[in-house]
Amino acid sequence: AAAACTAALEQQARLVELRDRCRAEGLPEINVRMGVSCGKVLHGNIGSSSHMEWGLIGDEVNLAARLESMAKQYGVNILVSGQMVARLGDRFLVRPLDRVVAVGKTAVTEVYELVARADAATEAQRRFCQRFSRLVELYRGRCFAEARREAIALIEDPESPLDQAVIIYVRRCETMLANPPAADWDGSVVLTKKRGARQRSGGRVTRGVDRAP
């Protein structure tokens, strides 16, 4: 688990260098999202004598693919599953993002952003993750007005990153305030390929958020 997460972080670091080189040479930038999970899978050569390739089969393979797709909706580079985080201990800084039912799935999955190795995380990263975790805790505890205030404070804080996930939670809180959830609500959402909550200006997330009418 730790080796997989380390590899993902190192690849993202190299991509930053590659994007800088692409910009300098006037070439299109390359962005890669990653989904990381763990569990039992089948692996081996698949095919026939005329065409053979190595592959993986299993629910965790499908989940990792769904996580990669979901990462775009939250505006993050690396999304990891809850079972992966359980194996990491305190060796990595992760940010709890959501409880989701992924496309094609029925079970609820806890999803996290993989931010950095614990020994390489900056104080700013730690502070932002702590504040965001508090926002999620308030939201799941049905304190929607307070969670919304925390999210707005993050958006308006010039020291916080421009974060797509925060904007998603502002809009969710406004929806829940207008239409309170049922008693058995567990904070999870069913995602589709078209689902997302983002505000863009010129292709970039901007500070501020659309207010509910």
N, C-alpha and C. Protein backbone atom coordinates (compact mmCIF):
# COMPACT_ATOMS: atom_id res chain seq x y z
N ALA A 1 0.83 -1.20 0.00
CA ALA A 1 0.00 0.00 0.00
C ALA A 1 0.87 1.26 0.00
N ALA A 2 1.86 1.28 0.89
CA ALA A 2 2.74 2.45 0.97
C ALA A 2 3.54 2.62 -0.30
N ALA A 3 4.00 1.52 -0.89
CA ALA A 3 4.78 1.60 -2.11
C ALA A 3 3.95 2.16 -3.27
N ALA A 4 2.69 1.74 -3.35
CA ALA A 4 1.81 2.23 -4.41
C ALA A 4 1.57 3.73 -4.27
N CYS A 5 1.33 4.17 -3.04
CA CYS A 5 1.07 5.59 -2.81
C CYS A 5 2.33 6.43 -3.05
N THR A 6 3.47 5.91 -2.65
CA THR A 6 4.73 6.62 -2.90
C THR A 6 4.96 6.76 -4.40
N ALA A 7 4.71 5.68 -5.14
CA ALA A 7 4.89 5.72 -6.60
C ALA A 7 3.95 6.75 -7.23
N ALA A 8 2.70 6.80 -6.77
CA ALA A 8 1.74 7.75 -7.32
C ALA A 8 2.19 9.19 -7.07
N LEU A 9 2.64 9.48 -5.85
CA LEU A 9 3.11 10.83 -5.53
C LEU A 9 4.35 11.20 -6.34
N GLU A 10 5.26 10.25 -6.50
CA GLU A 10 6.48 10.53 -7.27
C GLU A 10 6.15 10.77 -8.74
N GLN A 11 5.20 10.04 -9.28
CA GLN A 11 4.79 10.27 -10.67
C GLN A 11 4.17 11.65 -10.83
N GLN A 12 3.35 12.06 -9.87
CA GLN A 12 2.76 13.41 -9.96
C GLN A 12 3.84 14.49 -9.88
N ALA A 13 4.86 14.27 -9.06
CA ALA A 13 5.95 15.24 -8.97
C ALA A 13 6.69 15.34 -10.30
N ARG A 14 6.91 14.22 -10.96
CA ARG A 14 7.59 14.24 -12.26
C ARG A 14 6.71 14.90 -13.32
N LEU A 15 5.40 14.75 -13.20
CA LEU A 15 4.49 15.38 -14.15
C LEU A 15 4.55 16.90 -14.04
N VAL A 16 4.76 17.42 -12.83
CA VAL A 16 4.92 18.87 -12.68
C VAL A 16 6.12 19.34 -13.49
N GLU A 17 7.22 18.61 -13.41
CA GLU A 17 8.41 18.95 -14.18
C GLU A 17 8.13 18.85 -15.69
N LEU A 18 7.39 17.83 -16.08
CA LEU A 18 7.08 17.64 -17.50
C LEU A 18 6.19 18.77 -18.01
N ARG A 19 5.21 19.20 -17.20
CA ARG A 19 4.34 20.29 -17.63
C ARG A 19 5.13 21.58 -17.80
N ASP A 20 6.06 21.83 -16.91
CA ASP A 20 6.91 23.02 -17.03
C ASP A 20 7.67 22.99 -18.35
N ARG A 21 8.21 21.82 -18.70
CA ARG A 21 8.95 21.69 -19.95
C ARG A 21 8.03 21.86 -21.16
N CYS A 22 6.82 21.30 -21.07
CA CYS A 22 5.87 21.44 -22.17
C CYS A 22 5.50 22.90 -22.40
N ARG A 23 5.26 23.64 -21.31
CA ARG A 23 4.92 25.05 -21.45
C ARG A 23 6.07 25.82 -22.08
N ALA A 24 7.29 25.52 -21.66
CA ALA A 24 8.45 26.22 -22.19
C ALA A 24 8.63 25.95 -23.68
N GLU A 25 8.21 24.78 -24.15
CA GLU A 25 8.37 24.41 -25.54
C GLU A 25 7.10 24.65 -26.37
N GLY A 26 6.09 25.25 -25.73
CA GLY A 26 4.85 25.53 -26.44
C GLY A 26 4.03 24.31 -26.76
N LEU A 27 4.18 23.26 -25.97
CA LEU A 27 3.46 22.01 -26.20
C LEU A 27 2.27 21.89 -25.25
N PRO A 28 1.26 21.08 -25.59
CA PRO A 28 0.12 20.88 -24.68
C PRO A 28 0.58 20.27 -23.36
N GLU A 29 -0.05 20.70 -22.28
CA GLU A 29 0.29 20.16 -20.97
C GLU A 29 -0.33 18.77 -20.78
N ILE A 30 0.34 17.95 -19.99
CA ILE A 30 -0.13 16.59 -19.71
C ILE A 30 -0.59 16.51 -18.27
N ASN A 31 -1.84 16.12 -18.06
CA ASN A 31 -2.38 15.92 -16.72
C ASN A 31 -2.84 14.48 -16.58
N VAL A 32 -2.49 13.86 -15.48
CA VAL A 32 -2.84 12.46 -15.25
C VAL A 32 -3.47 12.31 -13.87
N ARG A 33 -4.65 11.74 -13.82
CA ARG A 33 -5.28 11.43 -12.54
C ARG A 33 -5.05 9.97 -12.21
N MET A 34 -5.12 9.65 -10.92
CA MET A 34 -4.85 8.29 -10.48
C MET A 34 -5.86 7.84 -9.43
N GLY A 35 -6.25 6.58 -9.50
CA GLY A 35 -7.09 5.96 -8.49
C GLY A 35 -6.34 4.78 -7.90
N VAL A 36 -6.31 4.69 -6.58
CA VAL A 36 -5.52 3.64 -5.92
C VAL A 36 -6.41 2.92 -4.90
N SER A 37 -6.46 1.60 -5.01
CA SER A 37 -7.19 0.79 -4.03
C SER A 37 -6.40 -0.48 -3.79
N CYS A 38 -6.90 -1.35 -2.95
CA CYS A 38 -6.19 -2.60 -2.65
C CYS A 38 -7.20 -3.69 -2.35
N GLY A 39 -6.77 -4.91 -2.55
CA GLY A 39 -7.64 -6.04 -2.31
C GLY A 39 -7.22 -7.22 -3.18
N LYS A 40 -8.04 -8.25 -3.18
CA LYS A 40 -7.72 -9.45 -3.94
C LYS A 40 -8.14 -9.28 -5.39
N VAL A 41 -7.23 -9.65 -6.29
CA VAL A 41 -7.50 -9.59 -7.73
C VAL A 41 -6.92 -10.83 -8.40
N LEU A 42 -7.37 -11.09 -9.60
CA LEU A 42 -6.77 -12.13 -10.44
C LEU A 42 -5.86 -11.43 -11.44
N HIS A 43 -4.68 -11.97 -11.64
CA HIS A 43 -3.78 -11.37 -12.62
C HIS A 43 -3.07 -12.47 -13.40
N GLY A 44 -2.66 -12.12 -14.60
CA GLY A 44 -1.96 -13.09 -15.43
C GLY A 44 -2.14 -12.80 -16.89
N ASN A 45 -1.66 -13.68 -17.72
CA ASN A 45 -1.78 -13.53 -19.16
C ASN A 45 -3.19 -13.91 -19.61
N ILE A 46 -3.76 -13.08 -20.45
CA ILE A 46 -5.12 -13.29 -20.93
C ILE A 46 -5.09 -13.27 -22.46
N GLY A 47 -5.75 -14.26 -23.08
CA GLY A 47 -5.82 -14.27 -24.53
C GLY A 47 -5.54 -15.65 -25.09
N SER A 48 -5.00 -15.66 -26.29
CA SER A 48 -4.71 -16.91 -26.99
C SER A 48 -3.32 -16.86 -27.57
N SER A 49 -2.94 -17.89 -28.28
CA SER A 49 -1.60 -17.93 -28.86
C SER A 49 -1.40 -16.85 -29.91
N SER A 50 -2.51 -16.35 -30.50
CA SER A 50 -2.39 -15.30 -31.52
C SER A 50 -2.35 -13.90 -30.93
N HIS A 51 -2.88 -13.75 -29.73
CA HIS A 51 -2.86 -12.44 -29.07
C HIS A 51 -2.91 -12.65 -27.56
N MET A 52 -1.87 -12.21 -26.89
CA MET A 52 -1.77 -12.42 -25.45
C MET A 52 -1.37 -11.11 -24.78
N GLU A 53 -2.00 -10.81 -23.65
CA GLU A 53 -1.60 -9.64 -22.88
C GLU A 53 -1.82 -9.90 -21.40
N TRP A 54 -1.04 -9.21 -20.59
CA TRP A 54 -1.15 -9.35 -19.14
C TRP A 54 -2.25 -8.43 -18.64
N GLY A 55 -3.04 -8.87 -17.67
CA GLY A 55 -4.13 -8.04 -17.19
C GLY A 55 -4.52 -8.35 -15.75
N LEU A 56 -5.41 -7.52 -15.22
CA LEU A 56 -5.95 -7.67 -13.87
C LEU A 56 -7.46 -7.74 -13.94
N ILE A 57 -8.07 -8.57 -13.10
CA ILE A 57 -9.52 -8.70 -13.04
C ILE A 57 -9.94 -8.73 -11.58
N GLY A 58 -11.00 -8.00 -11.24
CA GLY A 58 -11.52 -8.04 -9.87
C GLY A 58 -12.22 -6.75 -9.50
N ASP A 59 -13.00 -6.79 -8.43
CA ASP A 59 -13.74 -5.62 -7.98
C ASP A 59 -12.81 -4.45 -7.65
N GLU A 60 -11.66 -4.74 -7.05
CA GLU A 60 -10.76 -3.65 -6.67
C GLU A 60 -10.13 -2.98 -7.88
N VAL A 61 -9.95 -3.74 -8.96
CA VAL A 61 -9.46 -3.14 -10.20
C VAL A 61 -10.50 -2.16 -10.73
N ASN A 62 -11.76 -2.59 -10.71
CA ASN A 62 -12.84 -1.71 -11.17
C ASN A 62 -12.97 -0.49 -10.29
N LEU A 63 -12.81 -0.68 -8.96
CA LEU A 63 -12.92 0.45 -8.05
C LEU A 63 -11.81 1.46 -8.30
N ALA A 64 -10.59 0.98 -8.52
CA ALA A 64 -9.49 1.89 -8.80
C ALA A 64 -9.78 2.72 -10.05
N ALA A 65 -10.37 2.08 -11.07
CA ALA A 65 -10.72 2.80 -12.29
C ALA A 65 -11.79 3.85 -12.00
N ARG A 66 -12.76 3.50 -11.14
CA ARG A 66 -13.81 4.47 -10.78
C ARG A 66 -13.21 5.64 -9.99
N LEU A 67 -12.26 5.35 -9.12
CA LEU A 67 -11.61 6.41 -8.35
C LEU A 67 -10.88 7.38 -9.26
N GLU A 68 -10.19 6.85 -10.26
CA GLU A 68 -9.49 7.72 -11.21
C GLU A 68 -10.47 8.65 -11.90
N SER A 69 -11.62 8.12 -12.29
CA SER A 69 -12.63 8.93 -12.95
C SER A 69 -13.20 9.98 -12.00
N MET A 70 -13.46 9.59 -10.75
CA MET A 70 -14.02 10.51 -9.76
C MET A 70 -13.07 11.65 -9.39
N ALA A 71 -11.78 11.40 -9.49
CA ALA A 71 -10.80 12.41 -9.10
C ALA A 71 -11.02 13.73 -9.83
N LYS A 72 -11.44 13.65 -11.08
CA LYS A 72 -11.69 14.86 -11.86
C LYS A 72 -12.80 15.69 -11.25
N GLN A 73 -13.84 15.03 -10.75
CA GLN A 73 -14.98 15.75 -10.19
C GLN A 73 -14.60 16.55 -8.95
N TYR A 74 -13.63 16.04 -8.18
CA TYR A 74 -13.20 16.72 -6.96
C TYR A 74 -12.01 17.65 -7.21
N GLY A 75 -11.46 17.63 -8.42
CA GLY A 75 -10.33 18.49 -8.73
C GLY A 75 -9.04 18.06 -8.08
N VAL A 76 -8.84 16.73 -7.87
CA VAL A 76 -7.63 16.24 -7.23
C VAL A 76 -6.89 15.32 -8.20
N ASN A 77 -5.63 15.04 -7.90
CA ASN A 77 -4.81 14.21 -8.77
C ASN A 77 -4.84 12.74 -8.39
N ILE A 78 -4.90 12.45 -7.08
CA ILE A 78 -4.84 11.06 -6.62
C ILE A 78 -5.98 10.81 -5.64
N LEU A 79 -6.82 9.84 -5.95
CA LEU A 79 -7.93 9.47 -5.08
C LEU A 79 -7.69 8.04 -4.61
N VAL A 80 -7.81 7.82 -3.29
CA VAL A 80 -7.57 6.49 -2.73
C VAL A 80 -8.79 6.04 -1.94
N SER A 81 -8.95 4.73 -1.83
CA SER A 81 -10.10 4.16 -1.13
C SER A 81 -9.85 4.11 0.37
N GLY A 82 -10.95 3.95 1.12
CA GLY A 82 -10.84 3.85 2.57
C GLY A 82 -10.03 2.65 3.02
N GLN A 83 -10.18 1.51 2.33
CA GLN A 83 -9.41 0.33 2.71
C GLN A 83 -7.91 0.54 2.47
N MET A 84 -7.59 1.36 1.49
CA MET A 84 -6.18 1.69 1.26
C MET A 84 -5.66 2.55 2.40
N VAL A 85 -6.42 3.54 2.80
CA VAL A 85 -6.01 4.43 3.88
C VAL A 85 -5.81 3.65 5.18
N ALA A 86 -6.65 2.64 5.42
CA ALA A 86 -6.53 1.84 6.64
C ALA A 86 -5.19 1.12 6.72
N ARG A 87 -4.58 0.84 5.57
CA ARG A 87 -3.29 0.15 5.55
C ARG A 87 -2.10 1.11 5.65
N LEU A 88 -2.35 2.39 5.44
CA LEU A 88 -1.25 3.35 5.38
C LEU A 88 -0.80 3.84 6.76
N GLY A 89 -1.69 3.75 7.74
CA GLY A 89 -1.35 4.29 9.06
C GLY A 89 -1.16 5.79 8.99
N ASP A 90 -0.11 6.29 9.66
CA ASP A 90 0.13 7.73 9.67
C ASP A 90 1.31 8.11 8.78
N ARG A 91 1.63 7.26 7.81
CA ARG A 91 2.79 7.52 6.94
C ARG A 91 2.50 8.52 5.83
N PHE A 92 1.20 8.81 5.60
CA PHE A 92 0.82 9.72 4.53
C PHE A 92 -0.23 10.71 5.04
N LEU A 93 -0.23 11.89 4.44
CA LEU A 93 -1.27 12.88 4.71
C LEU A 93 -2.38 12.66 3.70
N VAL A 94 -3.58 12.38 4.20
CA VAL A 94 -4.73 12.18 3.33
C VAL A 94 -5.85 13.12 3.78
N ARG A 95 -6.73 13.43 2.84
CA ARG A 95 -7.86 14.31 3.15
C ARG A 95 -9.16 13.56 2.87
N PRO A 96 -10.02 13.38 3.88
CA PRO A 96 -11.31 12.72 3.63
C PRO A 96 -12.16 13.58 2.71
N LEU A 97 -12.61 13.00 1.61
CA LEU A 97 -13.38 13.77 0.64
C LEU A 97 -14.86 13.45 0.66
N ASP A 98 -15.20 12.16 0.68
CA ASP A 98 -16.61 11.85 0.50
C ASP A 98 -16.90 10.40 0.85
N ARG A 99 -18.20 10.12 0.96
CA ARG A 99 -18.72 8.76 0.99
C ARG A 99 -19.54 8.61 -0.28
N VAL A 100 -19.13 7.69 -1.14
CA VAL A 100 -19.77 7.62 -2.45
C VAL A 100 -20.19 6.20 -2.79
N VAL A 101 -21.18 6.12 -3.65
CA VAL A 101 -21.51 4.88 -4.34
C VAL A 101 -21.04 5.10 -5.77
N ALA A 102 -19.94 4.45 -6.13
CA ALA A 102 -19.32 4.68 -7.43
C ALA A 102 -20.20 4.14 -8.55
N VAL A 103 -19.92 4.61 -9.76
CA VAL A 103 -20.65 4.17 -10.94
C VAL A 103 -20.55 2.65 -11.07
N GLY A 104 -21.68 1.99 -11.18
CA GLY A 104 -21.69 0.54 -11.33
C GLY A 104 -21.58 -0.23 -10.03
N LYS A 105 -21.57 0.49 -8.88
CA LYS A 105 -21.44 -0.16 -7.58
C LYS A 105 -22.69 0.07 -6.74
N THR A 106 -22.84 -0.71 -5.66
CA THR A 106 -23.95 -0.52 -4.73
C THR A 106 -23.47 -0.20 -3.32
N ALA A 107 -22.23 -0.59 -2.99
CA ALA A 107 -21.70 -0.36 -1.65
C ALA A 107 -21.14 1.05 -1.53
N VAL A 108 -21.22 1.59 -0.31
CA VAL A 108 -20.65 2.92 -0.03
C VAL A 108 -19.14 2.78 0.17
N THR A 109 -18.38 3.66 -0.45
CA THR A 109 -16.92 3.67 -0.35
C THR A 109 -16.46 5.01 0.20
N GLU A 110 -15.60 4.97 1.20
CA GLU A 110 -14.97 6.20 1.69
C GLU A 110 -13.83 6.53 0.74
N VAL A 111 -13.77 7.79 0.29
CA VAL A 111 -12.71 8.18 -0.63
C VAL A 111 -11.92 9.34 -0.03
N TYR A 112 -10.62 9.33 -0.30
CA TYR A 112 -9.69 10.31 0.26
C TYR A 112 -8.77 10.84 -0.84
N GLU A 113 -8.34 12.07 -0.68
CA GLU A 113 -7.26 12.57 -1.52
C GLU A 113 -5.93 12.19 -0.89
N LEU A 114 -5.03 11.64 -1.68
CA LEU A 114 -3.67 11.41 -1.22
C LEU A 114 -2.89 12.70 -1.46
N VAL A 115 -2.47 13.35 -0.38
CA VAL A 115 -1.88 14.68 -0.47
C VAL A 115 -0.36 14.63 -0.54
N ALA A 116 0.26 13.90 0.40
CA ALA A 116 1.72 13.89 0.49
C ALA A 116 2.17 12.82 1.46
N ARG A 117 3.45 12.47 1.41
CA ARG A 117 4.02 11.66 2.48
C ARG A 117 4.02 12.50 3.75
N ALA A 118 3.80 11.87 4.88
CA ALA A 118 3.71 12.61 6.14
C ALA A 118 4.98 13.39 6.42
N ASP A 119 6.13 12.80 6.08
CA ASP A 119 7.40 13.48 6.37
C ASP A 119 7.74 14.57 5.37
N ALA A 120 6.91 14.73 4.32
CA ALA A 120 7.15 15.76 3.31
C ALA A 120 6.03 16.79 3.25
N ALA A 121 4.96 16.58 4.02
CA ALA A 121 3.81 17.50 3.98
C ALA A 121 4.18 18.85 4.58
N THR A 122 3.69 19.91 3.96
CA THR A 122 3.94 21.26 4.47
C THR A 122 2.93 21.60 5.56
N GLU A 123 3.26 22.62 6.33
CA GLU A 123 2.33 23.06 7.37
C GLU A 123 1.04 23.57 6.75
N ALA A 124 1.13 24.23 5.60
CA ALA A 124 -0.07 24.72 4.92
C ALA A 124 -0.96 23.57 4.48
N GLN A 125 -0.37 22.50 3.99
CA GLN A 125 -1.16 21.32 3.60
C GLN A 125 -1.85 20.70 4.80
N ARG A 126 -1.13 20.59 5.90
CA ARG A 126 -1.72 20.01 7.11
C ARG A 126 -2.87 20.87 7.63
N ARG A 127 -2.67 22.17 7.63
CA ARG A 127 -3.69 23.08 8.14
C ARG A 127 -4.95 23.02 7.28
N PHE A 128 -4.78 23.02 5.97
CA PHE A 128 -5.94 22.96 5.08
C PHE A 128 -6.69 21.64 5.25
N CYS A 129 -5.96 20.53 5.34
CA CYS A 129 -6.61 19.23 5.51
C CYS A 129 -7.38 19.15 6.83
N GLN A 130 -6.84 19.75 7.87
CA GLN A 130 -7.54 19.77 9.16
C GLN A 130 -8.84 20.55 9.07
N ARG A 131 -8.79 21.70 8.41
CA ARG A 131 -10.00 22.52 8.27
C ARG A 131 -11.03 21.83 7.39
N PHE A 132 -10.57 21.21 6.32
CA PHE A 132 -11.50 20.52 5.43
C PHE A 132 -12.12 19.32 6.15
N SER A 133 -11.32 18.61 6.93
CA SER A 133 -11.84 17.47 7.69
C SER A 133 -12.94 17.92 8.65
N ARG A 134 -12.74 19.08 9.26
CA ARG A 134 -13.75 19.63 10.15
C ARG A 134 -15.03 19.95 9.38
N LEU A 135 -14.89 20.49 8.19
CA LEU A 135 -16.05 20.79 7.33
C LEU A 135 -16.84 19.50 7.06
N VAL A 136 -16.14 18.44 6.67
CA VAL A 136 -16.80 17.17 6.36
C VAL A 136 -17.47 16.60 7.60
N GLU A 137 -16.81 16.72 8.74
CA GLU A 137 -17.39 16.23 9.99
C GLU A 137 -18.69 16.96 10.32
N LEU A 138 -18.71 18.25 10.13
CA LEU A 138 -19.92 19.04 10.38
C LEU A 138 -21.04 18.63 9.41
N TYR A 139 -20.67 18.46 8.15
CA TYR A 139 -21.66 18.08 7.14
C TYR A 139 -22.28 16.73 7.46
N ARG A 140 -21.45 15.76 7.80
CA ARG A 140 -21.96 14.42 8.10
C ARG A 140 -22.76 14.41 9.40
N GLY A 141 -22.48 15.38 10.28
CA GLY A 141 -23.23 15.52 11.52
C GLY A 141 -24.49 16.34 11.38
N ARG A 142 -24.86 16.68 10.14
CA ARG A 142 -26.07 17.44 9.81
C ARG A 142 -26.02 18.89 10.28
N CYS A 143 -24.84 19.39 10.57
CA CYS A 143 -24.68 20.81 10.92
C CYS A 143 -24.40 21.58 9.64
N PHE A 144 -25.39 21.66 8.78
CA PHE A 144 -25.18 22.17 7.43
C PHE A 144 -24.85 23.66 7.39
N ALA A 145 -25.50 24.45 8.24
CA ALA A 145 -25.21 25.88 8.25
C ALA A 145 -23.78 26.15 8.69
N GLU A 146 -23.34 25.43 9.74
CA GLU A 146 -21.98 25.61 10.23
C GLU A 146 -20.96 25.09 9.22
N ALA A 147 -21.28 23.98 8.59
CA ALA A 147 -20.38 23.43 7.57
C ALA A 147 -20.25 24.39 6.40
N ARG A 148 -21.34 25.00 6.02
CA ARG A 148 -21.30 25.97 4.92
C ARG A 148 -20.43 27.17 5.29
N ARG A 149 -20.56 27.65 6.53
CA ARG A 149 -19.74 28.80 6.97
C ARG A 149 -18.25 28.44 6.92
N GLU A 150 -17.92 27.22 7.33
CA GLU A 150 -16.52 26.78 7.29
C GLU A 150 -16.02 26.70 5.85
N ALA A 151 -16.88 26.21 4.96
CA ALA A 151 -16.49 26.12 3.55
C ALA A 151 -16.28 27.50 2.94
N ILE A 152 -17.18 28.42 3.23
CA ILE A 152 -17.04 29.79 2.70
C ILE A 152 -15.77 30.43 3.24
N ALA A 153 -15.47 30.19 4.51
CA ALA A 153 -14.25 30.74 5.10
C ALA A 153 -13.01 30.21 4.39
N LEU A 154 -13.03 28.93 4.00
CA LEU A 154 -11.91 28.35 3.27
C LEU A 154 -11.78 28.99 1.89
N ILE A 155 -12.91 29.21 1.23
CA ILE A 155 -12.88 29.81 -0.10
C ILE A 155 -12.33 31.23 -0.05
N GLU A 156 -12.71 31.96 0.99
CA GLU A 156 -12.31 33.36 1.09
C GLU A 156 -10.94 33.55 1.71
N ASP A 157 -10.34 32.49 2.24
CA ASP A 157 -9.02 32.58 2.85
C ASP A 157 -7.95 32.59 1.75
N PRO A 158 -7.22 33.69 1.58
CA PRO A 158 -6.22 33.75 0.50
C PRO A 158 -5.08 32.76 0.67
N GLU A 159 -4.90 32.22 1.88
CA GLU A 159 -3.84 31.24 2.10
C GLU A 159 -4.28 29.81 1.79
N SER A 160 -5.57 29.63 1.53
CA SER A 160 -6.08 28.30 1.19
C SER A 160 -6.05 28.12 -0.32
N PRO A 161 -5.86 26.90 -0.79
CA PRO A 161 -5.85 26.66 -2.24
C PRO A 161 -7.25 26.83 -2.83
N LEU A 162 -7.31 27.14 -4.12
CA LEU A 162 -8.59 27.18 -4.81
C LEU A 162 -9.05 25.74 -5.00
N ASP A 163 -10.06 25.34 -4.25
CA ASP A 163 -10.36 23.92 -4.13
C ASP A 163 -11.77 23.60 -4.60
N GLN A 164 -11.86 22.71 -5.57
CA GLN A 164 -13.13 22.32 -6.15
C GLN A 164 -14.02 21.60 -5.15
N ALA A 165 -13.43 20.76 -4.29
CA ALA A 165 -14.21 19.98 -3.33
C ALA A 165 -14.92 20.89 -2.33
N VAL A 166 -14.28 21.99 -1.94
CA VAL A 166 -14.92 22.92 -1.01
C VAL A 166 -16.18 23.50 -1.64
N ILE A 167 -16.11 23.88 -2.92
CA ILE A 167 -17.27 24.43 -3.61
C ILE A 167 -18.39 23.39 -3.68
N ILE A 168 -18.03 22.14 -3.90
CA ILE A 168 -19.03 21.07 -3.91
C ILE A 168 -19.78 21.04 -2.59
N TYR A 169 -19.06 21.16 -1.47
CA TYR A 169 -19.71 21.08 -0.16
C TYR A 169 -20.56 22.32 0.13
N VAL A 170 -20.16 23.47 -0.36
CA VAL A 170 -21.02 24.65 -0.18
C VAL A 170 -22.38 24.39 -0.82
N ARG A 171 -22.36 23.91 -2.03
CA ARG A 171 -23.61 23.68 -2.75
C ARG A 171 -24.43 22.56 -2.12
N ARG A 172 -23.75 21.53 -1.64
CA ARG A 172 -24.47 20.45 -0.96
C ARG A 172 -25.14 20.96 0.31
N CYS A 173 -24.42 21.76 1.07
CA CYS A 173 -25.00 22.30 2.31
C CYS A 173 -26.22 23.15 2.00
N GLU A 174 -26.15 23.95 0.95
CA GLU A 174 -27.30 24.79 0.58
C GLU A 174 -28.49 23.92 0.18
N THR A 175 -28.21 22.83 -0.51
CA THR A 175 -29.28 21.91 -0.88
C THR A 175 -29.90 21.27 0.36
N MET A 176 -29.07 20.85 1.30
CA MET A 176 -29.57 20.20 2.52
C MET A 176 -30.33 21.17 3.41
N LEU A 177 -29.91 22.43 3.44
CA LEU A 177 -30.63 23.42 4.23
C LEU A 177 -32.01 23.68 3.65
N ALA A 178 -32.09 23.66 2.33
CA ALA A 178 -33.39 23.88 1.67
C ALA A 178 -34.27 22.65 1.72
N ASN A 179 -33.63 21.47 1.68
CA ASN A 179 -34.37 20.20 1.69
C ASN A 179 -33.68 19.22 2.63
N PRO A 180 -33.97 19.29 3.93
CA PRO A 180 -33.29 18.43 4.91
C PRO A 180 -33.40 16.96 4.55
N PRO A 181 -32.33 16.19 4.79
CA PRO A 181 -32.34 14.77 4.43
C PRO A 181 -33.20 13.94 5.37
N ALA A 182 -33.47 12.72 4.94
CA ALA A 182 -34.26 11.80 5.75
C ALA A 182 -33.47 11.35 6.98
N ALA A 183 -34.16 10.73 7.91
CA ALA A 183 -33.53 10.32 9.17
C ALA A 183 -32.43 9.29 8.96
N ASP A 184 -32.54 8.48 7.91
CA ASP A 184 -31.54 7.44 7.67
C ASP A 184 -30.41 7.90 6.75
N TRP A 185 -30.32 9.19 6.48
CA TRP A 185 -29.25 9.74 5.62
C TRP A 185 -27.89 9.49 6.25
N ASP A 186 -26.94 8.98 5.46
CA ASP A 186 -25.62 8.66 6.00
C ASP A 186 -24.50 9.52 5.40
N GLY A 187 -24.90 10.54 4.66
CA GLY A 187 -23.89 11.44 4.09
C GLY A 187 -23.31 10.97 2.78
N SER A 188 -23.75 9.83 2.27
CA SER A 188 -23.19 9.31 1.02
C SER A 188 -23.95 9.86 -0.17
N VAL A 189 -23.29 9.84 -1.33
CA VAL A 189 -23.91 10.28 -2.57
C VAL A 189 -23.69 9.23 -3.64
N VAL A 190 -24.63 9.14 -4.55
CA VAL A 190 -24.50 8.25 -5.69
C VAL A 190 -23.94 9.07 -6.84
N LEU A 191 -22.78 8.68 -7.32
CA LEU A 191 -22.13 9.42 -8.39
C LEU A 191 -22.46 8.82 -9.75
N THR A 192 -22.57 9.71 -10.73
CA THR A 192 -22.70 9.31 -12.12
C THR A 192 -21.55 9.94 -12.89
N LYS A 193 -21.37 9.58 -14.11
CA LYS A 193 -20.29 10.14 -14.92
C LYS A 193 -20.45 11.64 -15.11
N LYS A 194 -21.70 12.11 -15.06
CA LYS A 194 -21.95 13.53 -15.32
C LYS A 194 -22.03 14.36 -14.05
N ARG A 195 -21.96 13.69 -12.88
CA ARG A 195 -22.13 14.41 -11.64
C ARG A 195 -20.89 15.20 -11.28
N GLY A 196 -21.06 16.38 -10.68
CA GLY A 196 -19.92 17.18 -10.26
C GLY A 196 -20.43 18.52 -9.75
N ALA A 197 -19.59 19.23 -9.04
CA ALA A 197 -19.94 20.56 -8.56
C ALA A 197 -18.71 21.42 -8.67
N ARG A 198 -18.72 22.28 -9.61
CA ARG A 198 -17.53 23.10 -9.83
C ARG A 198 -17.93 24.43 -10.43
N GLN A 199 -17.14 25.43 -10.22
CA GLN A 199 -17.34 26.74 -10.81
C GLN A 199 -16.05 27.13 -11.49
N ARG A 200 -16.14 27.48 -12.78
CA ARG A 200 -14.92 27.75 -13.53
C ARG A 200 -15.01 29.11 -14.21
N SER A 201 -13.85 29.68 -14.39
CA SER A 201 -13.74 30.92 -15.14
C SER A 201 -12.48 30.81 -15.97
N GLY A 202 -12.64 30.75 -17.27
CA GLY A 202 -11.49 30.58 -18.12
C GLY A 202 -10.79 29.25 -17.90
N GLY A 203 -11.56 28.23 -17.49
CA GLY A 203 -10.97 26.92 -17.31
C GLY A 203 -10.34 26.71 -15.95
N ARG A 204 -10.47 27.67 -15.03
CA ARG A 204 -9.87 27.52 -13.71
C ARG A 204 -10.92 27.73 -12.63
N VAL A 205 -10.75 27.04 -11.53
CA VAL A 205 -11.63 27.25 -10.38
C VAL A 205 -11.37 28.63 -9.83
N THR A 206 -12.41 29.39 -9.49
CA THR A 206 -12.24 30.75 -8.99
C THR A 206 -12.76 30.85 -7.58
N ARG A 207 -12.25 31.83 -6.84
CA ARG A 207 -12.77 32.07 -5.50
C ARG A 207 -14.18 32.59 -5.61
N GLY A 208 -15.01 32.16 -4.64
CA GLY A 208 -16.41 32.52 -4.66
C GLY A 208 -17.23 31.31 -5.06
N VAL A 209 -18.52 31.41 -4.86
CA VAL A 209 -19.39 30.27 -5.16
C VAL A 209 -20.78 30.79 -5.49
N ASP A 210 -21.46 30.12 -6.38
CA ASP A 210 -22.83 30.50 -6.69
C ASP A 210 -23.68 30.31 -5.45
N ARG A 211 -24.46 31.30 -5.11
CA ARG A 211 -25.39 31.19 -3.98
C ARG A 211 -26.71 30.59 -4.45
N ALA A 212 -27.30 29.80 -3.59
CA ALA A 212 -28.61 29.24 -3.92
C ALA A 212 -29.62 30.37 -3.92
N PRO A 213 -30.57 30.34 -4.85
CA PRO A 213 -31.58 31.41 -4.90
C PRO A 213 -32.48 31.39 -3.68
